[in-house]
Amino acid sequence: MQKYIQNHIQLKLPSYKTILFTLPIVLIWRGVWGIADLLLVPENKSISYILGIGVGMIAVVWFKIPNVSTVEEINPDQEKIYAKHCLSTIKSISKRKIYFGTSEKSY
């Protein structure tokens, strides 16, 4: 079992580039949220949060409306192939039995 874990389960640490690119993005969004809290309704945070959620939901709906026309262009056969692939992957994973601490193994 230990050999299986060593061969198949590897700890993948994020590269330094991932950390360097993620940190500025998080800081930018932190600043955007802070400005939004100050600009919407600075004296009442509850109303500011509710208003922010409402504006965000309206923006999501507004950005999704142009994408409605592209739904008709999706190839249904390709969707079915992808769905079958997902189902077969789930079935193969569910058939695997791994018993820790015993000699019975099935991969």
C-alpha atoms as a PDB file:
ATOM      1  CA  MET A   1       0.000   0.000   0.000  1.00  0.00           C
ATOM      2  CA  GLN A   2       2.824   2.364   0.841  1.00  0.00           C
ATOM      3  CA  LYS A   3       4.386   1.732  -2.562  1.00  0.00           C
ATOM      4  CA  TYR A   4       1.027   2.469  -4.237  1.00  0.00           C
ATOM      5  CA  ILE A   5       0.750   5.748  -2.365  1.00  0.00           C
ATOM      6  CA  GLN A   6       4.313   6.707  -3.274  1.00  0.00           C
ATOM      7  CA  ASN A   7       3.761   5.905  -6.956  1.00  0.00           C
ATOM      8  CA  HIS A   8       0.251   7.276  -7.465  1.00  0.00           C
ATOM      9  CA  ILE A   9      -0.347  10.000  -4.925  1.00  0.00           C
ATOM     10  CA  GLN A  10       2.138  12.822  -5.188  1.00  0.00           C
ATOM     11  CA  LEU A  11       2.063  16.057  -3.282  1.00  0.00           C
ATOM     12  CA  LYS A  12       1.916  18.823  -5.848  1.00  0.00           C
ATOM     13  CA  LEU A  13       3.000  22.115  -4.380  1.00  0.00           C
ATOM     14  CA  PRO A  14       2.021  25.310  -6.155  1.00  0.00           C
ATOM     15  CA  SER A  15       4.807  26.937  -8.070  1.00  0.00           C
ATOM     16  CA  TYR A  16       6.092  30.336  -7.106  1.00  0.00           C
ATOM     17  CA  LYS A  17       4.414  31.795 -10.211  1.00  0.00           C
ATOM     18  CA  THR A  18       1.007  30.691  -8.953  1.00  0.00           C
ATOM     19  CA  ILE A  19       1.574  32.454  -5.657  1.00  0.00           C
ATOM     20  CA  LEU A  20       2.947  35.566  -7.359  1.00  0.00           C
ATOM     21  CA  PHE A  21      -0.060  35.837  -9.692  1.00  0.00           C
ATOM     22  CA  THR A  22      -2.716  34.913  -7.118  1.00  0.00           C
ATOM     23  CA  LEU A  23      -1.715  37.370  -4.421  1.00  0.00           C
ATOM     24  CA  PRO A  24      -2.162  40.550  -6.518  1.00  0.00           C
ATOM     25  CA  ILE A  25      -5.552  39.354  -7.787  1.00  0.00           C
ATOM     26  CA  VAL A  26      -6.783  38.760  -4.241  1.00  0.00           C
ATOM     27  CA  LEU A  27      -5.499  42.180  -3.174  1.00  0.00           C
ATOM     28  CA  ILE A  28      -7.207  43.871  -6.135  1.00  0.00           C
ATOM     29  CA  TRP A  29     -10.563  42.277  -5.262  1.00  0.00           C
ATOM     30  CA  ARG A  30     -10.074  43.190  -1.605  1.00  0.00           C
ATOM     31  CA  GLY A  31      -9.662  46.805  -2.662  1.00  0.00           C
ATOM     32  CA  VAL A  32     -12.692  46.664  -4.960  1.00  0.00           C
ATOM     33  CA  TRP A  33     -14.866  45.279  -2.162  1.00  0.00           C
ATOM     34  CA  GLY A  34     -13.555  47.889   0.272  1.00  0.00           C
ATOM     35  CA  ILE A  35     -14.352  50.724  -2.141  1.00  0.00           C
ATOM     36  CA  ALA A  36     -17.796  49.252  -2.825  1.00  0.00           C
ATOM     37  CA  ASP A  37     -18.500  49.162   0.923  1.00  0.00           C
ATOM     38  CA  LEU A  38     -17.534  52.820   1.238  1.00  0.00           C
ATOM     39  CA  LEU A  39     -19.349  54.091  -1.848  1.00  0.00           C
ATOM     40  CA  LEU A  40     -22.718  52.334  -1.712  1.00  0.00           C
ATOM     41  CA  VAL A  41     -24.044  53.122   1.775  1.00  0.00           C
ATOM     42  CA  PRO A  42     -21.141  53.821   4.148  1.00  0.00           C
ATOM     43  CA  GLU A  43     -23.264  54.377   7.268  1.00  0.00           C
ATOM     44  CA  ASN A  44     -25.234  51.107   7.005  1.00  0.00           C
ATOM     45  CA  LYS A  45     -23.270  47.994   6.066  1.00  0.00           C
ATOM     46  CA  SER A  46     -26.357  45.749   5.892  1.00  0.00           C
ATOM     47  CA  ILE A  47     -27.978  47.879   3.197  1.00  0.00           C
ATOM     48  CA  SER A  48     -24.618  48.159   1.443  1.00  0.00           C
ATOM     49  CA  TYR A  49     -24.270  44.360   1.339  1.00  0.00           C
ATOM     50  CA  ILE A  50     -27.851  43.834   0.120  1.00  0.00           C
ATOM     51  CA  LEU A  51     -27.429  46.503  -2.543  1.00  0.00           C
ATOM     52  CA  GLY A  52     -24.129  44.937  -3.619  1.00  0.00           C
ATOM     53  CA  ILE A  53     -25.758  41.519  -3.966  1.00  0.00           C
ATOM     54  CA  GLY A  54     -28.605  43.036  -5.990  1.00  0.00           C
ATOM     55  CA  VAL A  55     -26.283  44.918  -8.325  1.00  0.00           C
ATOM     56  CA  GLY A  56     -24.162  41.780  -8.739  1.00  0.00           C
ATOM     57  CA  MET A  57     -27.184  39.642  -9.599  1.00  0.00           C
ATOM     58  CA  ILE A  58     -28.405  42.183 -12.145  1.00  0.00           C
ATOM     59  CA  ALA A  59     -24.927  42.280 -13.703  1.00  0.00           C
ATOM     60  CA  VAL A  60     -24.821  38.478 -13.957  1.00  0.00           C
ATOM     61  CA  VAL A  61     -28.216  38.387 -15.677  1.00  0.00           C
ATOM     62  CA  TRP A  62     -27.214  41.245 -17.962  1.00  0.00           C
ATOM     63  CA  PHE A  63     -23.970  39.527 -19.008  1.00  0.00           C
ATOM     64  CA  LYS A  64     -25.730  36.185 -19.555  1.00  0.00           C
ATOM     65  CA  ILE A  65     -28.405  37.572 -21.920  1.00  0.00           C
ATOM     66  CA  PRO A  66     -26.028  37.904 -24.929  1.00  0.00           C
ATOM     67  CA  ASN A  67     -24.968  34.274 -24.403  1.00  0.00           C
ATOM     68  CA  VAL A  68     -28.508  32.934 -24.900  1.00  0.00           C
ATOM     69  CA  SER A  69     -28.089  32.963 -28.686  1.00  0.00           C
ATOM     70  CA  THR A  70     -24.972  30.781 -28.449  1.00  0.00           C
ATOM     71  CA  VAL A  71     -26.905  27.978 -26.729  1.00  0.00           C
ATOM     72  CA  GLU A  72     -28.508  27.069 -30.050  1.00  0.00           C
ATOM     73  CA  GLU A  73     -25.064  26.657 -31.632  1.00  0.00           C
ATOM     74  CA  ILE A  74     -23.995  23.888 -29.230  1.00  0.00           C
ATOM     75  CA  ASN A  75     -23.692  20.512 -30.916  1.00  0.00           C
ATOM     76  CA  PRO A  76     -25.966  18.113 -28.987  1.00  0.00           C
ATOM     77  CA  ASP A  77     -23.995  15.059 -30.160  1.00  0.00           C
ATOM     78  CA  GLN A  78     -20.821  16.452 -28.619  1.00  0.00           C
ATOM     79  CA  GLU A  79     -22.720  17.076 -25.378  1.00  0.00           C
ATOM     80  CA  LYS A  80     -23.910  13.442 -25.323  1.00  0.00           C
ATOM     81  CA  ILE A  81     -20.370  12.149 -25.894  1.00  0.00           C
ATOM     82  CA  TYR A  82     -19.067  14.257 -23.021  1.00  0.00           C
ATOM     83  CA  ALA A  83     -21.904  13.117 -20.732  1.00  0.00           C
ATOM     84  CA  LYS A  84     -21.195   9.446 -21.550  1.00  0.00           C
ATOM     85  CA  HIS A  85     -17.496  10.006 -20.806  1.00  0.00           C
ATOM     86  CA  CYS A  86     -18.340  11.574 -17.432  1.00  0.00           C
ATOM     87  CA  LEU A  87     -20.695   8.717 -16.524  1.00  0.00           C
ATOM     88  CA  SER A  88     -18.161   6.045 -17.480  1.00  0.00           C
ATOM     89  CA  THR A  89     -15.503   7.798 -15.407  1.00  0.00           C
ATOM     90  CA  ILE A  90     -17.813   7.947 -12.382  1.00  0.00           C
ATOM     91  CA  LYS A  91     -18.708   4.255 -12.783  1.00  0.00           C
ATOM     92  CA  SER A  92     -15.057   3.204 -12.997  1.00  0.00           C
ATOM     93  CA  ILE A  93     -14.187   5.219  -9.895  1.00  0.00           C
ATOM     94  CA  SER A  94     -17.105   3.776  -7.931  1.00  0.00           C
ATOM     95  CA  LYS A  95     -15.979   0.198  -8.743  1.00  0.00           C
ATOM     96  CA  ARG A  96     -12.579   0.703  -7.129  1.00  0.00           C
ATOM     97  CA  LYS A  97     -12.233  -0.619  -3.614  1.00  0.00           C
ATOM     98  CA  ILE A  98      -9.287   0.309  -1.481  1.00  0.00           C
ATOM     99  CA  TYR A  99      -8.985  -1.226   1.954  1.00  0.00           C
ATOM    100  CA  PHE A 100      -6.484   0.434   4.243  1.00  0.00           C
ATOM    101  CA  GLY A 101      -4.724  -1.824   6.710  1.00  0.00           C
ATOM    102  CA  THR A 102      -5.785  -5.127   5.105  1.00  0.00           C
ATOM    103  CA  SER A 103      -4.358  -7.255   2.355  1.00  0.00           C
ATOM    104  CA  GLU A 104      -7.486  -7.121   0.181  1.00  0.00           C
ATOM    105  CA  LYS A 105      -6.995  -4.694  -2.688  1.00  0.00           C
ATOM    106  CA  SER A 106      -8.828  -4.029  -5.911  1.00  0.00           C
ATOM    107  CA  TYR A 107      -7.746  -1.255  -8.250  1.00  0.00           C
END
